[in-house]
Amino acid sequence: FLNTLLHCHRLTDLRLAGVPKAVARVLEITGLHEALH
């Protein structure tokens, strides 16, 4: 899932909305919360 988001982030202005706490935590742990919108 994370790789899919990163791949598409490279292709377009990917905007993630309404991120639930469990998913936000994974994004924080991996540092992706700083790379993704």
PDB file of all heavy atoms in Angstrom:
ATOM      1  N   PHE A   1       0.839  -1.200   0.000  1.00  0.00           N
ATOM      2  CA  PHE A   1       0.000   0.000   0.000  1.00  0.00           C
ATOM      3  C   PHE A   1       0.876   1.253   0.000  1.00  0.00           C
ATOM      4  O   PHE A   1       0.659   2.169  -0.799  1.00  0.00           O
ATOM      5  CB  PHE A   1      -0.918  -0.032   1.228  1.00  0.00           C
ATOM      6  CG  PHE A   1      -1.623   1.251   1.528  1.00  0.00           C
ATOM      7  CD1 PHE A   1      -2.601   1.751   0.684  1.00  0.00           C
ATOM      8  CD2 PHE A   1      -1.326   1.963   2.681  1.00  0.00           C
ATOM      9  CE1 PHE A   1      -3.263   2.940   0.974  1.00  0.00           C
ATOM     10  CE2 PHE A   1      -1.985   3.142   2.986  1.00  0.00           C
ATOM     11  CZ  PHE A   1      -2.951   3.635   2.132  1.00  0.00           C
ATOM     12  N   LEU A   2       1.872   1.289   0.868  1.00  0.00           N
ATOM     13  CA  LEU A   2       2.770   2.448   0.939  1.00  0.00           C
ATOM     14  C   LEU A   2       3.522   2.640  -0.370  1.00  0.00           C
ATOM     15  O   LEU A   2       3.658   3.765  -0.854  1.00  0.00           O
ATOM     16  CB  LEU A   2       3.747   2.290   2.097  1.00  0.00           C
ATOM     17  CG  LEU A   2       3.124   2.230   3.495  1.00  0.00           C
ATOM     18  CD1 LEU A   2       4.201   2.006   4.547  1.00  0.00           C
ATOM     19  CD2 LEU A   2       2.302   3.465   3.793  1.00  0.00           C
ATOM     20  N   ASN A   3       3.996   1.555  -0.958  1.00  0.00           N
ATOM     21  CA  ASN A   3       4.694   1.649  -2.247  1.00  0.00           C
ATOM     22  C   ASN A   3       3.767   2.159  -3.349  1.00  0.00           C
ATOM     23  O   ASN A   3       4.197   2.913  -4.224  1.00  0.00           O
ATOM     24  CB  ASN A   3       5.299   0.305  -2.639  1.00  0.00           C
ATOM     25  CG  ASN A   3       6.555   0.004  -1.872  1.00  0.00           C
ATOM     26  OD1 ASN A   3       7.306   0.908  -1.520  1.00  0.00           O
ATOM     27  ND2 ASN A   3       6.798  -1.262  -1.608  1.00  0.00           N
ATOM     28  N   THR A   4       2.512   1.747  -3.316  1.00  0.00           N
ATOM     29  CA  THR A   4       1.530   2.228  -4.296  1.00  0.00           C
ATOM     30  C   THR A   4       1.353   3.733  -4.169  1.00  0.00           C
ATOM     31  O   THR A   4       1.342   4.456  -5.171  1.00  0.00           O
ATOM     32  CB  THR A   4       0.179   1.508  -4.101  1.00  0.00           C
ATOM     33  OG1 THR A   4       0.374   0.107  -4.311  1.00  0.00           O
ATOM     34  CG2 THR A   4      -0.879   2.036  -5.051  1.00  0.00           C
ATOM     35  N   LEU A   5       1.226   4.222  -2.929  1.00  0.00           N
ATOM     36  CA  LEU A   5       1.079   5.657  -2.710  1.00  0.00           C
ATOM     37  C   LEU A   5       2.311   6.412  -3.203  1.00  0.00           C
ATOM     38  O   LEU A   5       2.193   7.430  -3.888  1.00  0.00           O
ATOM     39  CB  LEU A   5       0.839   5.961  -1.234  1.00  0.00           C
ATOM     40  CG  LEU A   5      -0.460   5.434  -0.624  1.00  0.00           C
ATOM     41  CD1 LEU A   5      -0.525   5.805   0.855  1.00  0.00           C
ATOM     42  CD2 LEU A   5      -1.676   5.944  -1.367  1.00  0.00           C
ATOM     43  N   LEU A   6       3.487   5.914  -2.884  1.00  0.00           N
ATOM     44  CA  LEU A   6       4.725   6.576  -3.312  1.00  0.00           C
ATOM     45  C   LEU A   6       4.854   6.594  -4.830  1.00  0.00           C
ATOM     46  O   LEU A   6       5.232   7.614  -5.420  1.00  0.00           O
ATOM     47  CB  LEU A   6       5.938   5.884  -2.703  1.00  0.00           C
ATOM     48  CG  LEU A   6       6.268   6.278  -1.286  1.00  0.00           C
ATOM     49  CD1 LEU A   6       7.418   5.430  -0.761  1.00  0.00           C
ATOM     50  CD2 LEU A   6       6.599   7.751  -1.199  1.00  0.00           C
ATOM     51  N   HIS A   7       4.556   5.483  -5.457  1.00  0.00           N
ATOM     52  CA  HIS A   7       4.631   5.407  -6.924  1.00  0.00           C
ATOM     53  C   HIS A   7       3.718   6.452  -7.561  1.00  0.00           C
ATOM     54  O   HIS A   7       4.128   7.193  -8.459  1.00  0.00           O
ATOM     55  CB  HIS A   7       4.267   3.999  -7.386  1.00  0.00           C
ATOM     56  CG  HIS A   7       4.152   3.870  -8.874  1.00  0.00           C
ATOM     57  ND1 HIS A   7       5.236   3.953  -9.714  1.00  0.00           N
ATOM     58  CD2 HIS A   7       3.066   3.691  -9.666  1.00  0.00           C
ATOM     59  CE1 HIS A   7       4.838   3.826 -10.970  1.00  0.00           C
ATOM     60  NE2 HIS A   7       3.515   3.663 -10.961  1.00  0.00           N
ATOM     61  N   CYS A   8       2.490   6.525  -7.091  1.00  0.00           N
ATOM     62  CA  CYS A   8       1.538   7.462  -7.687  1.00  0.00           C
ATOM     63  C   CYS A   8       1.856   8.903  -7.303  1.00  0.00           C
ATOM     64  O   CYS A   8       1.589   9.822  -8.073  1.00  0.00           O
ATOM     65  CB  CYS A   8       0.118   7.065  -7.309  1.00  0.00           C
ATOM     66  SG  CYS A   8      -0.337   5.506  -8.123  1.00  0.00           S
ATOM     67  N   HIS A   9       2.461   9.107  -6.150  1.00  0.00           N
ATOM     68  CA  HIS A   9       2.913  10.438  -5.736  1.00  0.00           C
ATOM     69  C   HIS A   9       3.951  10.980  -6.725  1.00  0.00           C
ATOM     70  O   HIS A   9       4.006  12.176  -6.989  1.00  0.00           O
ATOM     71  CB  HIS A   9       3.482  10.362  -4.319  1.00  0.00           C
ATOM     72  CG  HIS A   9       4.143  11.608  -3.847  1.00  0.00           C
ATOM     73  ND1 HIS A   9       3.444  12.760  -3.561  1.00  0.00           N
ATOM     74  CD2 HIS A   9       5.438  11.885  -3.594  1.00  0.00           C
ATOM     75  CE1 HIS A   9       4.287  13.688  -3.162  1.00  0.00           C
ATOM     76  NE2 HIS A   9       5.514  13.186  -3.170  1.00  0.00           N
ATOM     77  N   ARG A  10       4.740  10.088  -7.292  1.00  0.00           N
ATOM     78  CA  ARG A  10       5.738  10.491  -8.286  1.00  0.00           C
ATOM     79  C   ARG A  10       5.102  10.839  -9.635  1.00  0.00           C
ATOM     80  O   ARG A  10       5.694  11.560 -10.426  1.00  0.00           O
ATOM     81  CB  ARG A  10       6.759   9.374  -8.473  1.00  0.00           C
ATOM     82  CG  ARG A  10       7.648   9.179  -7.273  1.00  0.00           C
ATOM     83  CD  ARG A  10       8.676   8.078  -7.520  1.00  0.00           C
ATOM     84  NE  ARG A  10       9.399   7.789  -6.306  1.00  0.00           N
ATOM     85  CZ  ARG A  10       9.301   6.652  -5.633  1.00  0.00           C
ATOM     86  NH1 ARG A  10       8.501   5.694  -6.070  1.00  0.00           N
ATOM     87  NH2 ARG A  10       9.986   6.478  -4.530  1.00  0.00           N
ATOM     88  N   LEU A  11       3.903  10.337  -9.884  1.00  0.00           N
ATOM     89  CA  LEU A  11       3.226  10.549 -11.161  1.00  0.00           C
ATOM     90  C   LEU A  11       2.308  11.763 -11.178  1.00  0.00           C
ATOM     91  O   LEU A  11       2.027  12.314 -12.246  1.00  0.00           O
ATOM     92  CB  LEU A  11       2.399   9.315 -11.531  1.00  0.00           C
ATOM     93  CG  LEU A  11       3.150   8.003 -11.713  1.00  0.00           C
ATOM     94  CD1 LEU A  11       2.158   6.855 -11.899  1.00  0.00           C
ATOM     95  CD2 LEU A  11       4.098   8.104 -12.895  1.00  0.00           C
ATOM     96  N   THR A  12       1.802  12.146 -10.018  1.00  0.00           N
ATOM     97  CA  THR A  12       0.786  13.195  -9.950  1.00  0.00           C
ATOM     98  C   THR A  12       0.865  13.908  -8.611  1.00  0.00           C
ATOM     99  O   THR A  12       1.627  13.515  -7.729  1.00  0.00           O
ATOM    100  CB  THR A  12      -0.627  12.590 -10.152  1.00  0.00           C
ATOM    101  OG1 THR A  12      -1.577  13.636 -10.327  1.00  0.00           O
ATOM    102  CG2 THR A  12      -1.050  11.720  -8.986  1.00  0.00           C
ATOM    103  N   ASP A  13       0.053  14.925  -8.460  1.00  0.00           N
ATOM    104  CA  ASP A  13      -0.110  15.607  -7.176  1.00  0.00           C
ATOM    105  C   ASP A  13      -1.100  14.759  -6.378  1.00  0.00           C
ATOM    106  O   ASP A  13      -2.306  14.965  -6.448  1.00  0.00           O
ATOM    107  CB  ASP A  13      -0.634  17.028  -7.425  1.00  0.00           C
ATOM    108  CG  ASP A  13      -0.950  17.770  -6.139  1.00  0.00           C
ATOM    109  OD1 ASP A  13      -0.612  17.276  -5.046  1.00  0.00           O
ATOM    110  OD2 ASP A  13      -1.546  18.861  -6.237  1.00  0.00           O
ATOM    111  N   LEU A  14      -0.581  13.787  -5.642  1.00  0.00           N
ATOM    112  CA  LEU A  14      -1.423  12.865  -4.877  1.00  0.00           C
ATOM    113  C   LEU A  14      -1.787  13.504  -3.546  1.00  0.00           C
ATOM    114  O   LEU A  14      -0.913  13.908  -2.787  1.00  0.00           O
ATOM    115  CB  LEU A  14      -0.687  11.544  -4.650  1.00  0.00           C
ATOM    116  CG  LEU A  14      -1.479  10.450  -3.944  1.00  0.00           C
ATOM    117  CD1 LEU A  14      -2.688  10.026  -4.778  1.00  0.00           C
ATOM    118  CD2 LEU A  14      -0.580   9.259  -3.659  1.00  0.00           C
ATOM    119  N   ARG A  15      -3.078  13.577  -3.276  1.00  0.00           N
ATOM    120  CA  ARG A  15      -3.588  14.205  -2.062  1.00  0.00           C
ATOM    121  C   ARG A  15      -4.353  13.170  -1.253  1.00  0.00           C
ATOM    122  O   ARG A  15      -5.344  12.617  -1.717  1.00  0.00           O
ATOM    123  CB  ARG A  15      -4.493  15.381  -2.408  1.00  0.00           C
ATOM    124  CG  ARG A  15      -3.790  16.420  -3.268  1.00  0.00           C
ATOM    125  CD  ARG A  15      -4.718  17.509  -3.695  1.00  0.00           C
ATOM    126  NE  ARG A  15      -4.062  18.437  -4.620  1.00  0.00           N
ATOM    127  CZ  ARG A  15      -4.554  19.617  -4.932  1.00  0.00           C
ATOM    128  NH1 ARG A  15      -5.691  20.030  -4.421  1.00  0.00           N
ATOM    129  NH2 ARG A  15      -3.890  20.388  -5.785  1.00  0.00           N
ATOM    130  N   LEU A  16      -3.891  12.907  -0.033  1.00  0.00           N
ATOM    131  CA  LEU A  16      -4.518  11.915   0.841  1.00  0.00           C
ATOM    132  C   LEU A  16      -5.416  12.634   1.837  1.00  0.00           C
ATOM    133  O   LEU A  16      -4.958  13.489   2.591  1.00  0.00           O
ATOM    134  CB  LEU A  16      -3.454  11.100   1.575  1.00  0.00           C
ATOM    135  CG  LEU A  16      -2.418  10.418   0.678  1.00  0.00           C
ATOM    136  CD1 LEU A  16      -1.402   9.659   1.519  1.00  0.00           C
ATOM    137  CD2 LEU A  16      -3.084   9.499  -0.329  1.00  0.00           C
ATOM    138  N   ALA A  17      -6.688  12.272   1.842  1.00  0.00           N
ATOM    139  CA  ALA A  17      -7.668  12.949   2.691  1.00  0.00           C
ATOM    140  C   ALA A  17      -8.226  12.004   3.748  1.00  0.00           C
ATOM    141  O   ALA A  17      -8.333  10.803   3.531  1.00  0.00           O
ATOM    142  CB  ALA A  17      -8.804  13.479   1.826  1.00  0.00           C
ATOM    143  N   GLY A  18      -8.589  12.587   4.892  1.00  0.00           N
ATOM    144  CA  GLY A  18      -9.268  11.823   5.935  1.00  0.00           C
ATOM    145  C   GLY A  18      -8.478  10.626   6.428  1.00  0.00           C
ATOM    146  O   GLY A  18      -9.054   9.576   6.697  1.00  0.00           O
ATOM    147  N   VAL A  19      -7.188  10.776   6.571  1.00  0.00           N
ATOM    148  CA  VAL A  19      -6.321   9.653   6.953  1.00  0.00           C
ATOM    149  C   VAL A  19      -6.649   9.209   8.379  1.00  0.00           C
ATOM    150  O   VAL A  19      -6.508   9.991   9.316  1.00  0.00           O
ATOM    151  CB  VAL A  19      -4.832  10.047   6.848  1.00  0.00           C
ATOM    152  CG1 VAL A  19      -3.947   8.880   7.206  1.00  0.00           C
ATOM    153  CG2 VAL A  19      -4.514  10.576   5.452  1.00  0.00           C
ATOM    154  N   PRO A  20      -7.090   7.960   8.565  1.00  0.00           N
ATOM    155  CA  PRO A  20      -7.408   7.484   9.914  1.00  0.00           C
ATOM    156  C   PRO A  20      -6.142   7.325  10.763  1.00  0.00           C
ATOM    157  O   PRO A  20      -5.032   7.221  10.244  1.00  0.00           O
ATOM    158  CB  PRO A  20      -8.083   6.125   9.676  1.00  0.00           C
ATOM    159  CG  PRO A  20      -7.739   5.731   8.301  1.00  0.00           C
ATOM    160  CD  PRO A  20      -7.360   6.959   7.546  1.00  0.00           C
ATOM    161  N   LYS A  21      -6.315   7.324  12.074  1.00  0.00           N
ATOM    162  CA  LYS A  21      -5.181   7.284  12.995  1.00  0.00           C
ATOM    163  C   LYS A  21      -4.245   6.110  12.747  1.00  0.00           C
ATOM    164  O   LYS A  21      -3.029   6.269  12.794  1.00  0.00           O
ATOM    165  CB  LYS A  21      -5.663   7.276  14.445  1.00  0.00           C
ATOM    166  CG  LYS A  21      -6.225   8.598  14.877  1.00  0.00           C
ATOM    167  CD  LYS A  21      -6.643   8.585  16.328  1.00  0.00           C
ATOM    168  CE  LYS A  21      -7.240   9.931  16.687  1.00  0.00           C
ATOM    169  NZ  LYS A  21      -7.569  10.028  18.098  1.00  0.00           N
ATOM    170  N   ALA A  22      -4.788   4.939  12.478  1.00  0.00           N
ATOM    171  CA  ALA A  22      -3.939   3.757  12.274  1.00  0.00           C
ATOM    172  C   ALA A  22      -3.053   3.929  11.037  1.00  0.00           C
ATOM    173  O   ALA A  22      -1.867   3.576  11.064  1.00  0.00           O
ATOM    174  CB  ALA A  22      -4.792   2.499  12.142  1.00  0.00           C
ATOM    175  N   VAL A  23      -3.603   4.475   9.981  1.00  0.00           N
ATOM    176  CA  VAL A  23      -2.830   4.692   8.754  1.00  0.00           C
ATOM    177  C   VAL A  23      -1.861   5.861   8.956  1.00  0.00           C
ATOM    178  O   VAL A  23      -0.707   5.803   8.526  1.00  0.00           O
ATOM    179  CB  VAL A  23      -3.754   4.924   7.543  1.00  0.00           C
ATOM    180  CG1 VAL A  23      -2.957   5.272   6.291  1.00  0.00           C
ATOM    181  CG2 VAL A  23      -4.624   3.694   7.295  1.00  0.00           C
ATOM    182  N   ALA A  24      -2.310   6.910   9.636  1.00  0.00           N
ATOM    183  CA  ALA A  24      -1.443   8.052   9.916  1.00  0.00           C
ATOM    184  C   ALA A  24      -0.229   7.611  10.717  1.00  0.00           C
ATOM    185  O   ALA A  24       0.888   8.080  10.483  1.00  0.00           O
ATOM    186  CB  ALA A  24      -2.208   9.134  10.664  1.00  0.00           C
ATOM    187  N   ARG A  25      -0.425   6.697  11.644  1.00  0.00           N
ATOM    188  CA  ARG A  25       0.689   6.196  12.462  1.00  0.00           C
ATOM    189  C   ARG A  25       1.731   5.497  11.597  1.00  0.00           C
ATOM    190  O   ARG A  25       2.930   5.702  11.766  1.00  0.00           O
ATOM    191  CB  ARG A  25       0.162   5.252  13.553  1.00  0.00           C
ATOM    192  CG  ARG A  25       1.217   4.707  14.450  1.00  0.00           C
ATOM    193  CD  ARG A  25       1.722   5.780  15.408  1.00  0.00           C
ATOM    194  NE  ARG A  25       2.719   5.175  16.267  1.00  0.00           N
ATOM    195  CZ  ARG A  25       3.905   5.700  16.514  1.00  0.00           C
ATOM    196  NH1 ARG A  25       4.233   6.866  15.996  1.00  0.00           N
ATOM    197  NH2 ARG A  25       4.765   5.088  17.281  1.00  0.00           N
ATOM    198  N   VAL A  26       1.290   4.683  10.652  1.00  0.00           N
ATOM    199  CA  VAL A  26       2.222   4.005   9.744  1.00  0.00           C
ATOM    200  C   VAL A  26       2.968   5.037   8.897  1.00  0.00           C
ATOM    201  O   VAL A  26       4.178   4.923   8.690  1.00  0.00           O
ATOM    202  CB  VAL A  26       1.475   2.991   8.848  1.00  0.00           C
ATOM    203  CG1 VAL A  26       2.389   2.427   7.777  1.00  0.00           C
ATOM    204  CG2 VAL A  26       0.886   1.873   9.689  1.00  0.00           C
ATOM    205  N   LEU A  27       2.269   6.053   8.429  1.00  0.00           N
ATOM    206  CA  LEU A  27       2.915   7.099   7.647  1.00  0.00           C
ATOM    207  C   LEU A  27       3.951   7.852   8.490  1.00  0.00           C
ATOM    208  O   LEU A  27       5.022   8.204   8.000  1.00  0.00           O
ATOM    209  CB  LEU A  27       1.881   8.070   7.085  1.00  0.00           C
ATOM    210  CG  LEU A  27       0.907   7.492   6.057  1.00  0.00           C
ATOM    211  CD1 LEU A  27      -0.161   8.527   5.689  1.00  0.00           C
ATOM    212  CD2 LEU A  27       1.620   6.994   4.823  1.00  0.00           C
ATOM    213  N   GLU A  28       3.645   8.075   9.762  1.00  0.00           N
ATOM    214  CA  GLU A  28       4.585   8.749  10.652  1.00  0.00           C
ATOM    215  C   GLU A  28       5.815   7.885  10.930  1.00  0.00           C
ATOM    216  O   GLU A  28       6.951   8.374  10.873  1.00  0.00           O
ATOM    217  CB  GLU A  28       3.902   9.109  11.967  1.00  0.00           C
ATOM    218  CG  GLU A  28       2.893  10.220  11.825  1.00  0.00           C
ATOM    219  CD  GLU A  28       2.045  10.406  13.076  1.00  0.00           C
ATOM    220  OE1 GLU A  28       2.378   9.837  14.139  1.00  0.00           O
ATOM    221  OE2 GLU A  28       1.033  11.119  12.987  1.00  0.00           O
ATOM    222  N   ILE A  29       5.600   6.618  11.232  1.00  0.00           N
ATOM    223  CA  ILE A  29       6.708   5.710  11.541  1.00  0.00           C
ATOM    224  C   ILE A  29       7.675   5.610  10.367  1.00  0.00           C
ATOM    225  O   ILE A  29       8.890   5.570  10.548  1.00  0.00           O
ATOM    226  CB  ILE A  29       6.168   4.310  11.925  1.00  0.00           C
ATOM    227  CG1 ILE A  29       5.485   4.376  13.292  1.00  0.00           C
ATOM    228  CG2 ILE A  29       7.287   3.266  11.934  1.00  0.00           C
ATOM    229  CD1 ILE A  29       4.709   3.127  13.642  1.00  0.00           C
ATOM    230  N   THR A  30       7.135   5.586   9.164  1.00  0.00           N
ATOM    231  CA  THR A  30       7.975   5.447   7.971  1.00  0.00           C
ATOM    232  C   THR A  30       8.512   6.787   7.457  1.00  0.00           C
ATOM    233  O   THR A  30       9.335   6.810   6.547  1.00  0.00           O
ATOM    234  CB  THR A  30       7.183   4.773   6.833  1.00  0.00           C
ATOM    235  OG1 THR A  30       6.030   5.568   6.532  1.00  0.00           O
ATOM    236  CG2 THR A  30       6.758   3.355   7.223  1.00  0.00           C
ATOM    237  N   GLY A  31       8.032   7.890   8.022  1.00  0.00           N
ATOM    238  CA  GLY A  31       8.451   9.208   7.568  1.00  0.00           C
ATOM    239  C   GLY A  31       7.723   9.696   6.336  1.00  0.00           C
ATOM    240  O   GLY A  31       7.993  10.787   5.833  1.00  0.00           O
ATOM    241  N   LEU A  32       6.771   8.914   5.845  1.00  0.00           N
ATOM    242  CA  LEU A  32       6.052   9.295   4.627  1.00  0.00           C
ATOM    243  C   LEU A  32       5.088  10.461   4.846  1.00  0.00           C
ATOM    244  O   LEU A  32       4.700  11.124   3.889  1.00  0.00           O
ATOM    245  CB  LEU A  32       5.301   8.096   4.046  1.00  0.00           C
ATOM    246  CG  LEU A  32       6.209   6.990   3.510  1.00  0.00           C
ATOM    247  CD1 LEU A  32       5.382   5.824   3.011  1.00  0.00           C
ATOM    248  CD2 LEU A  32       7.098   7.533   2.404  1.00  0.00           C
ATOM    249  N   HIS A  33       4.741  10.725   6.087  1.00  0.00           N
ATOM    250  CA  HIS A  33       3.865  11.874   6.362  1.00  0.00           C
ATOM    251  C   HIS A  33       4.523  13.186   5.940  1.00  0.00           C
ATOM    252  O   HIS A  33       3.846  14.161   5.677  1.00  0.00           O
ATOM    253  CB  HIS A  33       3.475  11.912   7.841  1.00  0.00           C
ATOM    254  CG  HIS A  33       4.602  12.254   8.765  1.00  0.00           C
ATOM    255  ND1 HIS A  33       5.683  11.412   8.948  1.00  0.00           N
ATOM    256  CD2 HIS A  33       4.831  13.351   9.515  1.00  0.00           C
ATOM    257  CE1 HIS A  33       6.526  11.976   9.792  1.00  0.00           C
ATOM    258  NE2 HIS A  33       6.030  13.158  10.156  1.00  0.00           N
ATOM    259  N   GLU A  34       5.858  13.192   5.844  1.00  0.00           N
ATOM    260  CA  GLU A  34       6.562  14.399   5.410  1.00  0.00           C
ATOM    261  C   GLU A  34       6.659  14.488   3.886  1.00  0.00           C
ATOM    262  O   GLU A  34       6.842  15.574   3.347  1.00  0.00           O
ATOM    263  CB  GLU A  34       7.950  14.443   6.032  1.00  0.00           C
ATOM    264  CG  GLU A  34       7.898  14.604   7.539  1.00  0.00           C
ATOM    265  CD  GLU A  34       9.266  14.704   8.169  1.00  0.00           C
ATOM    266  OE1 GLU A  34      10.263  14.888   7.437  1.00  0.00           O
ATOM    267  OE2 GLU A  34       9.331  14.596   9.395  1.00  0.00           O
ATOM    268  N   ALA A  35       6.565  13.369   3.198  1.00  0.00           N
ATOM    269  CA  ALA A  35       6.696  13.347   1.739  1.00  0.00           C
ATOM    270  C   ALA A  35       5.352  13.482   1.031  1.00  0.00           C
ATOM    271  O   ALA A  35       5.271  14.080  -0.037  1.00  0.00           O
ATOM    272  CB  ALA A  35       7.378  12.057   1.293  1.00  0.00           C
ATOM    273  N   LEU A  36       4.313  12.923   1.607  1.00  0.00           N
ATOM    274  CA  LEU A  36       2.999  12.916   0.979  1.00  0.00           C
ATOM    275  C   LEU A  36       2.177  14.113   1.431  1.00  0.00           C
ATOM    276  O   LEU A  36       2.434  14.685   2.487  1.00  0.00           O
ATOM    277  CB  LEU A  36       2.268  11.611   1.315  1.00  0.00           C
ATOM    278  CG  LEU A  36       2.975  10.326   0.872  1.00  0.00           C
ATOM    279  CD1 LEU A  36       2.253   9.106   1.406  1.00  0.00           C
ATOM    280  CD2 LEU A  36       3.086  10.264  -0.639  1.00  0.00           C
ATOM    281  N   HIS A  37       1.182  14.495   0.643  1.00  0.00           N
ATOM    282  CA  HIS A  37       0.300  15.613   0.972  1.00  0.00           C
ATOM    283  C   HIS A  37      -0.934  15.073   1.694  1.00  0.00           C
ATOM    284  O   HIS A  37      -1.752  14.374   1.087  1.00  0.00           O
ATOM    285  CB  HIS A  37      -0.107  16.366  -0.292  1.00  0.00           C
ATOM    286  CG  HIS A  37       1.057  16.901  -1.048  1.00  0.00           C
ATOM    287  ND1 HIS A  37       1.305  16.585  -2.351  1.00  0.00           N
ATOM    288  CD2 HIS A  37       2.077  17.713  -0.658  1.00  0.00           C
ATOM    289  CE1 HIS A  37       2.409  17.185  -2.741  1.00  0.00           C
ATOM    290  NE2 HIS A  37       2.898  17.873  -1.736  1.00  0.00           N
TER     291      HIS A  37
END
